[in-house]
C-alpha cells in the first residue's frame, strides 16, 4: 500500500499550518528510523506530548489512533513524539529544536498572522500571510532533519495492548462509563465530570 502523502495529511487535518507540517516531517523520520510501515492494527504505538496539530499527521502516517488504543496522549505541552515498533522493539523520540521555532524561521510570521486573522485584515495582508505560511512549511519539509529536530533512539517501555473494560452506570448523570474511569464519591460510582475532575489542563 502506498504511504500517505503530505496532501493526505493536510486533507485530514483541514488546513495547512506549521504544526501539522512539523508532525508530518517527524512522523516520516520516525517511520524510517524504526523501519516501520503503517499499522493496520496495534503493530505500532505513538506517544504524543501535546494535543496540537502535529498529532493528526502521526495518525495519518502511522495508522495509530486513539480508538485503537495505540495513540497515547501525555499532554506535557511539548512538541515531541515517540514511535514504538512492537515487532522490532525499535523506538525513537523526536522533538522540535527551540532553535528552529517559527519565530526563528520567520520573525514576521506571527505578527502577520495576527493581522491576517483580524477583522480588519486587508487582501494584501492575507496574501502576505499565505506567502509566509508556505515558506515556513517549505522550510520544515526541506531543511535537514537534525537542524529541525532532536532525534533519539530509545529503549522503550512498550505499553500493553488496548483493553476492553466493563461499564458502570454513573449514579449522578445515569450515563455508562468504563470501569477504568469511574470514581467513588460518597460510596457511589460516578463518572469523571460528575466527580468534578474534568479539565483540559489550562
C-alpha atoms as a PDB file:
ATOM      1  CA  UNK A   1       0.000   0.000   0.000  1.00  0.00           C
ATOM      2  CA  UNK A   2       1.264   3.489  -0.876  1.00  0.00           C
ATOM      3  CA  UNK A   3       2.318   5.599   2.070  1.00  0.00           C
ATOM      4  CA  UNK A   4       0.124   8.622   2.868  1.00  0.00           C
ATOM      5  CA  UNK A   5       1.349  11.891   1.386  1.00  0.00           C
ATOM      6  CA  UNK A   6       1.643  15.395   2.780  1.00  0.00           C
ATOM      7  CA  UNK A   7      -1.510  16.242   0.846  1.00  0.00           C
ATOM      8  CA  UNK A   8      -3.314  13.356   2.572  1.00  0.00           C
ATOM      9  CA  UNK A   9      -2.278  14.776   5.943  1.00  0.00           C
ATOM     10  CA  UNK A  10      -3.443  18.292   5.053  1.00  0.00           C
ATOM     11  CA  UNK A  11      -6.755  16.930   3.775  1.00  0.00           C
ATOM     12  CA  UNK A  12      -7.310  15.035   7.021  1.00  0.00           C
ATOM     13  CA  UNK A  13      -6.282  17.970   9.220  1.00  0.00           C
ATOM     14  CA  UNK A  14      -8.320  20.505   7.266  1.00  0.00           C
ATOM     15  CA  UNK A  15      -5.724  23.205   6.606  1.00  0.00           C
ATOM     16  CA  UNK A  16      -2.024  23.813   6.069  1.00  0.00           C
ATOM     17  CA  UNK A  17      -0.089  25.048   9.090  1.00  0.00           C
ATOM     18  CA  UNK A  18       3.402  24.770  10.610  1.00  0.00           C
ATOM     19  CA  UNK A  19       2.184  22.455  13.376  1.00  0.00           C
ATOM     20  CA  UNK A  20       0.831  19.732  11.133  1.00  0.00           C
ATOM     21  CA  UNK A  21       3.893  20.112   8.895  1.00  0.00           C
ATOM     22  CA  UNK A  22       6.235  19.550  11.844  1.00  0.00           C
ATOM     23  CA  UNK A  23       4.179  16.437  12.661  1.00  0.00           C
ATOM     24  CA  UNK A  24       4.311  15.150   9.096  1.00  0.00           C
ATOM     25  CA  UNK A  25       8.082  15.535   8.902  1.00  0.00           C
ATOM     26  CA  UNK A  26       8.627  13.988  12.339  1.00  0.00           C
ATOM     27  CA  UNK A  27       6.333  11.055  11.583  1.00  0.00           C
ATOM     28  CA  UNK A  28       8.175  10.277   8.362  1.00  0.00           C
ATOM     29  CA  UNK A  29      11.530  10.367  10.130  1.00  0.00           C
ATOM     30  CA  UNK A  30      10.219   8.168  12.941  1.00  0.00           C
ATOM     31  CA  UNK A  31       8.840   5.597  10.498  1.00  0.00           C
ATOM     32  CA  UNK A  32      12.141   5.476   8.631  1.00  0.00           C
ATOM     33  CA  UNK A  33      14.328   5.247  11.753  1.00  0.00           C
ATOM     34  CA  UNK A  34      12.260   2.385  13.202  1.00  0.00           C
ATOM     35  CA  UNK A  35      11.821   0.519   9.904  1.00  0.00           C
ATOM     36  CA  UNK A  36       8.052   0.723  10.245  1.00  0.00           C
ATOM     37  CA  UNK A  37       5.124   0.551   7.850  1.00  0.00           C
ATOM     38  CA  UNK A  38       1.677   1.989   8.515  1.00  0.00           C
ATOM     39  CA  UNK A  39      -0.129  -0.018  11.204  1.00  0.00           C
ATOM     40  CA  UNK A  40      -3.439  -1.671  10.284  1.00  0.00           C
ATOM     41  CA  UNK A  41      -3.852  -2.699  13.917  1.00  0.00           C
ATOM     42  CA  UNK A  42      -1.627  -2.254  17.008  1.00  0.00           C
ATOM     43  CA  UNK A  43       1.765  -3.060  15.498  1.00  0.00           C
ATOM     44  CA  UNK A  44       2.966   0.464  16.281  1.00  0.00           C
ATOM     45  CA  UNK A  45       2.471   2.740  19.272  1.00  0.00           C
ATOM     46  CA  UNK A  46       2.711   6.526  19.192  1.00  0.00           C
ATOM     47  CA  UNK A  47       3.099   8.619  22.337  1.00  0.00           C
ATOM     48  CA  UNK A  48       2.388  12.305  21.750  1.00  0.00           C
ATOM     49  CA  UNK A  49       3.335  15.020  24.221  1.00  0.00           C
ATOM     50  CA  UNK A  50       0.779  17.658  23.215  1.00  0.00           C
ATOM     51  CA  UNK A  51      -2.723  17.835  21.787  1.00  0.00           C
ATOM     52  CA  UNK A  52      -1.811  20.090  18.871  1.00  0.00           C
ATOM     53  CA  UNK A  53      -1.868  19.871  15.077  1.00  0.00           C
ATOM     54  CA  UNK A  54       1.079  17.505  14.633  1.00  0.00           C
ATOM     55  CA  UNK A  55      -0.884  14.679  16.264  1.00  0.00           C
ATOM     56  CA  UNK A  56      -3.100  14.475  13.180  1.00  0.00           C
ATOM     57  CA  UNK A  57      -0.072  13.889  10.976  1.00  0.00           C
ATOM     58  CA  UNK A  58       1.042  10.995  13.173  1.00  0.00           C
ATOM     59  CA  UNK A  59      -2.410   9.423  12.946  1.00  0.00           C
ATOM     60  CA  UNK A  60      -2.390   9.544   9.146  1.00  0.00           C
ATOM     61  CA  UNK A  61       1.224   8.462   8.622  1.00  0.00           C
ATOM     62  CA  UNK A  62       1.469   5.734  11.272  1.00  0.00           C
ATOM     63  CA  UNK A  63      -2.108   4.444  11.399  1.00  0.00           C
ATOM     64  CA  UNK A  64      -2.113   4.818  15.190  1.00  0.00           C
ATOM     65  CA  UNK A  65      -5.335   6.206  16.644  1.00  0.00           C
ATOM     66  CA  UNK A  66      -6.935   6.863  19.999  1.00  0.00           C
ATOM     67  CA  UNK A  67      -9.734   4.466  19.078  1.00  0.00           C
ATOM     68  CA  UNK A  68      -7.332   1.563  18.547  1.00  0.00           C
ATOM     69  CA  UNK A  69      -5.579   2.386  21.787  1.00  0.00           C
ATOM     70  CA  UNK A  70      -2.144   2.796  20.213  1.00  0.00           C
ATOM     71  CA  UNK A  71      -2.007   6.586  20.180  1.00  0.00           C
ATOM     72  CA  UNK A  72      -1.359   7.734  23.731  1.00  0.00           C
ATOM     73  CA  UNK A  73      -1.667  11.379  24.754  1.00  0.00           C
ATOM     74  CA  UNK A  74       0.650  12.502  27.527  1.00  0.00           C
ATOM     75  CA  UNK A  75      -0.126  16.187  27.351  1.00  0.00           C
ATOM     76  CA  UNK A  76       3.101  17.744  28.603  1.00  0.00           C
ATOM     77  CA  UNK A  77       2.886  20.754  26.309  1.00  0.00           C
ATOM     78  CA  UNK A  78       5.954  19.661  24.336  1.00  0.00           C
ATOM     79  CA  UNK A  79       6.293  19.404  20.570  1.00  0.00           C
ATOM     80  CA  UNK A  80       7.577  15.835  20.840  1.00  0.00           C
ATOM     81  CA  UNK A  81       6.501  12.410  19.652  1.00  0.00           C
ATOM     82  CA  UNK A  82       7.659   8.833  20.299  1.00  0.00           C
ATOM     83  CA  UNK A  83       7.113   5.964  17.887  1.00  0.00           C
ATOM     84  CA  UNK A  84       7.492   2.371  19.080  1.00  0.00           C
ATOM     85  CA  UNK A  85       7.555  -0.647  16.765  1.00  0.00           C
ATOM     86  CA  UNK A  86       6.231  -3.586  18.789  1.00  0.00           C
ATOM     87  CA  UNK A  87       7.571  -6.138  16.298  1.00  0.00           C
ATOM     88  CA  UNK A  88      11.186  -4.998  16.181  1.00  0.00           C
ATOM     89  CA  UNK A  89      11.362  -3.297  19.586  1.00  0.00           C
ATOM     90  CA  UNK A  90      12.832  -0.196  17.929  1.00  0.00           C
ATOM     91  CA  UNK A  91      11.707   3.184  19.191  1.00  0.00           C
ATOM     92  CA  UNK A  92      12.564   6.810  18.552  1.00  0.00           C
ATOM     93  CA  UNK A  93      11.624  10.075  20.260  1.00  0.00           C
ATOM     94  CA  UNK A  94      11.614  13.202  18.139  1.00  0.00           C
ATOM     95  CA  UNK A  95      11.293  16.763  19.459  1.00  0.00           C
ATOM     96  CA  UNK A  96      11.500  20.108  17.716  1.00  0.00           C
ATOM     97  CA  UNK A  97      14.600  22.145  18.454  1.00  0.00           C
ATOM     98  CA  UNK A  98      13.986  25.520  20.129  1.00  0.00           C
ATOM     99  CA  UNK A  99      16.409  26.997  17.599  1.00  0.00           C
ATOM    100  CA  UNK A 100      14.022  26.000  14.803  1.00  0.00           C
ATOM    101  CA  UNK A 101      10.917  27.728  16.151  1.00  0.00           C
ATOM    102  CA  UNK A 102       8.510  29.592  13.908  1.00  0.00           C
ATOM    103  CA  UNK A 103       9.859  32.853  15.327  1.00  0.00           C
ATOM    104  CA  UNK A 104      13.391  31.818  14.402  1.00  0.00           C
ATOM    105  CA  UNK A 105      12.424  30.813  10.865  1.00  0.00           C
ATOM    106  CA  UNK A 106      10.396  33.949  10.177  1.00  0.00           C
ATOM    107  CA  UNK A 107      10.119  36.707  12.831  1.00  0.00           C
ATOM    108  CA  UNK A 108       7.433  38.455  10.748  1.00  0.00           C
ATOM    109  CA  UNK A 109       5.068  35.482  10.623  1.00  0.00           C
ATOM    110  CA  UNK A 110       3.233  35.622  13.975  1.00  0.00           C
ATOM    111  CA  UNK A 111       2.508  39.394  13.878  1.00  0.00           C
ATOM    112  CA  UNK A 112       1.423  38.984  10.263  1.00  0.00           C
ATOM    113  CA  UNK A 113      -0.852  36.077  11.194  1.00  0.00           C
ATOM    114  CA  UNK A 114      -2.475  38.162  13.939  1.00  0.00           C
ATOM    115  CA  UNK A 115      -3.228  40.910  11.421  1.00  0.00           C
ATOM    116  CA  UNK A 116      -4.407  38.500   8.705  1.00  0.00           C
ATOM    117  CA  UNK A 117      -6.778  36.760  11.111  1.00  0.00           C
ATOM    118  CA  UNK A 118      -8.128  40.064  12.427  1.00  0.00           C
ATOM    119  CA  UNK A 119     -11.468  41.509  11.459  1.00  0.00           C
ATOM    120  CA  UNK A 120      -9.957  44.409   9.507  1.00  0.00           C
ATOM    121  CA  UNK A 121      -7.374  42.411   7.529  1.00  0.00           C
ATOM    122  CA  UNK A 122      -6.654  43.735   4.045  1.00  0.00           C
ATOM    123  CA  UNK A 123      -6.319  41.475   0.989  1.00  0.00           C
ATOM    124  CA  UNK A 124      -2.623  42.365   0.884  1.00  0.00           C
ATOM    125  CA  UNK A 125      -2.116  41.234   4.491  1.00  0.00           C
ATOM    126  CA  UNK A 126      -3.936  37.977   3.827  1.00  0.00           C
ATOM    127  CA  UNK A 127      -1.842  37.341   0.720  1.00  0.00           C
ATOM    128  CA  UNK A 128       1.386  38.124   2.578  1.00  0.00           C
ATOM    129  CA  UNK A 129       0.353  35.752   5.367  1.00  0.00           C
ATOM    130  CA  UNK A 130      -0.238  32.921   2.893  1.00  0.00           C
ATOM    131  CA  UNK A 131       3.150  33.506   1.281  1.00  0.00           C
ATOM    132  CA  UNK A 132       4.957  33.480   4.628  1.00  0.00           C
ATOM    133  CA  UNK A 133       2.992  30.381   5.714  1.00  0.00           C
ATOM    134  CA  UNK A 134       4.004  28.441   2.614  1.00  0.00           C
ATOM    135  CA  UNK A 135       7.645  29.486   3.031  1.00  0.00           C
ATOM    136  CA  UNK A 136       7.717  28.270   6.643  1.00  0.00           C
ATOM    137  CA  UNK A 137       6.104  24.949   5.761  1.00  0.00           C
ATOM    138  CA  UNK A 138       8.548  24.507   2.881  1.00  0.00           C
ATOM    139  CA  UNK A 139      11.450  25.089   5.289  1.00  0.00           C
ATOM    140  CA  UNK A 140      10.072  22.446   7.662  1.00  0.00           C
ATOM    141  CA  UNK A 141       9.703  19.988   4.781  1.00  0.00           C
ATOM    142  CA  UNK A 142      13.132  20.528   3.239  1.00  0.00           C
ATOM    143  CA  UNK A 143      15.702  21.514   5.880  1.00  0.00           C
ATOM    144  CA  UNK A 144      17.976  18.738   7.231  1.00  0.00           C
ATOM    145  CA  UNK A 145      16.236  16.646   9.881  1.00  0.00           C
ATOM    146  CA  UNK A 146      18.889  17.264  12.551  1.00  0.00           C
ATOM    147  CA  UNK A 147      18.511  21.030  12.068  1.00  0.00           C
ATOM    148  CA  UNK A 148      14.806  20.828  12.924  1.00  0.00           C
ATOM    149  CA  UNK A 149      14.631  18.030  15.487  1.00  0.00           C
ATOM    150  CA  UNK A 150      16.478  16.199  18.209  1.00  0.00           C
ATOM    151  CA  UNK A 151      16.174  12.526  17.300  1.00  0.00           C
ATOM    152  CA  UNK A 152      16.868   9.912  19.970  1.00  0.00           C
ATOM    153  CA  UNK A 153      16.744   6.153  19.617  1.00  0.00           C
ATOM    154  CA  UNK A 154      15.404   4.933  22.944  1.00  0.00           C
ATOM    155  CA  UNK A 155      14.800   1.729  24.863  1.00  0.00           C
ATOM    156  CA  UNK A 156      11.037   1.844  25.233  1.00  0.00           C
ATOM    157  CA  UNK A 157       8.774   0.513  27.908  1.00  0.00           C
ATOM    158  CA  UNK A 158       6.269  -0.963  25.485  1.00  0.00           C
ATOM    159  CA  UNK A 159       2.698  -0.206  26.600  1.00  0.00           C
ATOM    160  CA  UNK A 160       0.284  -3.104  26.923  1.00  0.00           C
ATOM    161  CA  UNK A 161      -2.257  -3.557  24.163  1.00  0.00           C
ATOM    162  CA  UNK A 162      -5.634  -1.883  24.429  1.00  0.00           C
ATOM    163  CA  UNK A 163      -8.061  -3.475  26.907  1.00  0.00           C
ATOM    164  CA  UNK A 164     -11.838  -3.695  26.932  1.00  0.00           C
ATOM    165  CA  UNK A 165     -13.368  -2.694  30.268  1.00  0.00           C
ATOM    166  CA  UNK A 166     -16.792  -3.415  31.715  1.00  0.00           C
ATOM    167  CA  UNK A 167     -19.158  -0.474  32.057  1.00  0.00           C
ATOM    168  CA  UNK A 168     -20.760   1.072  35.123  1.00  0.00           C
ATOM    169  CA  UNK A 169     -23.659   3.493  35.349  1.00  0.00           C
ATOM    170  CA  UNK A 170     -22.874   6.880  36.881  1.00  0.00           C
ATOM    171  CA  UNK A 171     -25.036   7.442  39.950  1.00  0.00           C
ATOM    172  CA  UNK A 172     -25.384  11.152  39.108  1.00  0.00           C
ATOM    173  CA  UNK A 173     -25.950  11.513  35.339  1.00  0.00           C
ATOM    174  CA  UNK A 174     -27.031   7.946  34.570  1.00  0.00           C
ATOM    175  CA  UNK A 175     -24.619   7.519  31.686  1.00  0.00           C
ATOM    176  CA  UNK A 176     -22.402   4.492  31.062  1.00  0.00           C
ATOM    177  CA  UNK A 177     -18.718   4.854  31.947  1.00  0.00           C
ATOM    178  CA  UNK A 178     -15.768   2.485  31.532  1.00  0.00           C
ATOM    179  CA  UNK A 179     -14.531   0.775  34.695  1.00  0.00           C
ATOM    180  CA  UNK A 180     -11.074   2.297  34.264  1.00  0.00           C
ATOM    181  CA  UNK A 181     -12.519   5.823  34.521  1.00  0.00           C
ATOM    182  CA  UNK A 182     -15.061   5.553  37.336  1.00  0.00           C
ATOM    183  CA  UNK A 183     -14.637   7.476  40.583  1.00  0.00           C
ATOM    184  CA  UNK A 184     -16.102   6.773  44.012  1.00  0.00           C
ATOM    185  CA  UNK A 185     -17.907   9.663  45.710  1.00  0.00           C
ATOM    186  CA  UNK A 186     -19.761   9.085  48.994  1.00  0.00           C
ATOM    187  CA  UNK A 187     -19.849   5.354  48.268  1.00  0.00           C
ATOM    188  CA  UNK A 188     -21.361   5.856  44.807  1.00  0.00           C
ATOM    189  CA  UNK A 189     -19.859   5.139  41.394  1.00  0.00           C
ATOM    190  CA  UNK A 190     -19.659   8.327  39.317  1.00  0.00           C
ATOM    191  CA  UNK A 191     -18.068   9.464  36.069  1.00  0.00           C
ATOM    192  CA  UNK A 192     -15.180  11.938  35.905  1.00  0.00           C
ATOM    193  CA  UNK A 193     -17.275  15.041  35.034  1.00  0.00           C
ATOM    194  CA  UNK A 194     -19.772  14.314  37.806  1.00  0.00           C
ATOM    195  CA  UNK A 195     -16.835  13.877  40.185  1.00  0.00           C
ATOM    196  CA  UNK A 196     -15.782  17.398  39.219  1.00  0.00           C
ATOM    197  CA  UNK A 197     -12.378  16.339  37.944  1.00  0.00           C
ATOM    198  CA  UNK A 198     -12.551  17.137  34.257  1.00  0.00           C
ATOM    199  CA  UNK A 199     -10.336  19.906  32.872  1.00  0.00           C
ATOM    200  CA  UNK A 200      -8.409  20.342  29.662  1.00  0.00           C
ATOM    201  CA  UNK A 201      -5.446  21.360  31.763  1.00  0.00           C
ATOM    202  CA  UNK A 202      -5.103  25.054  31.002  1.00  0.00           C
END
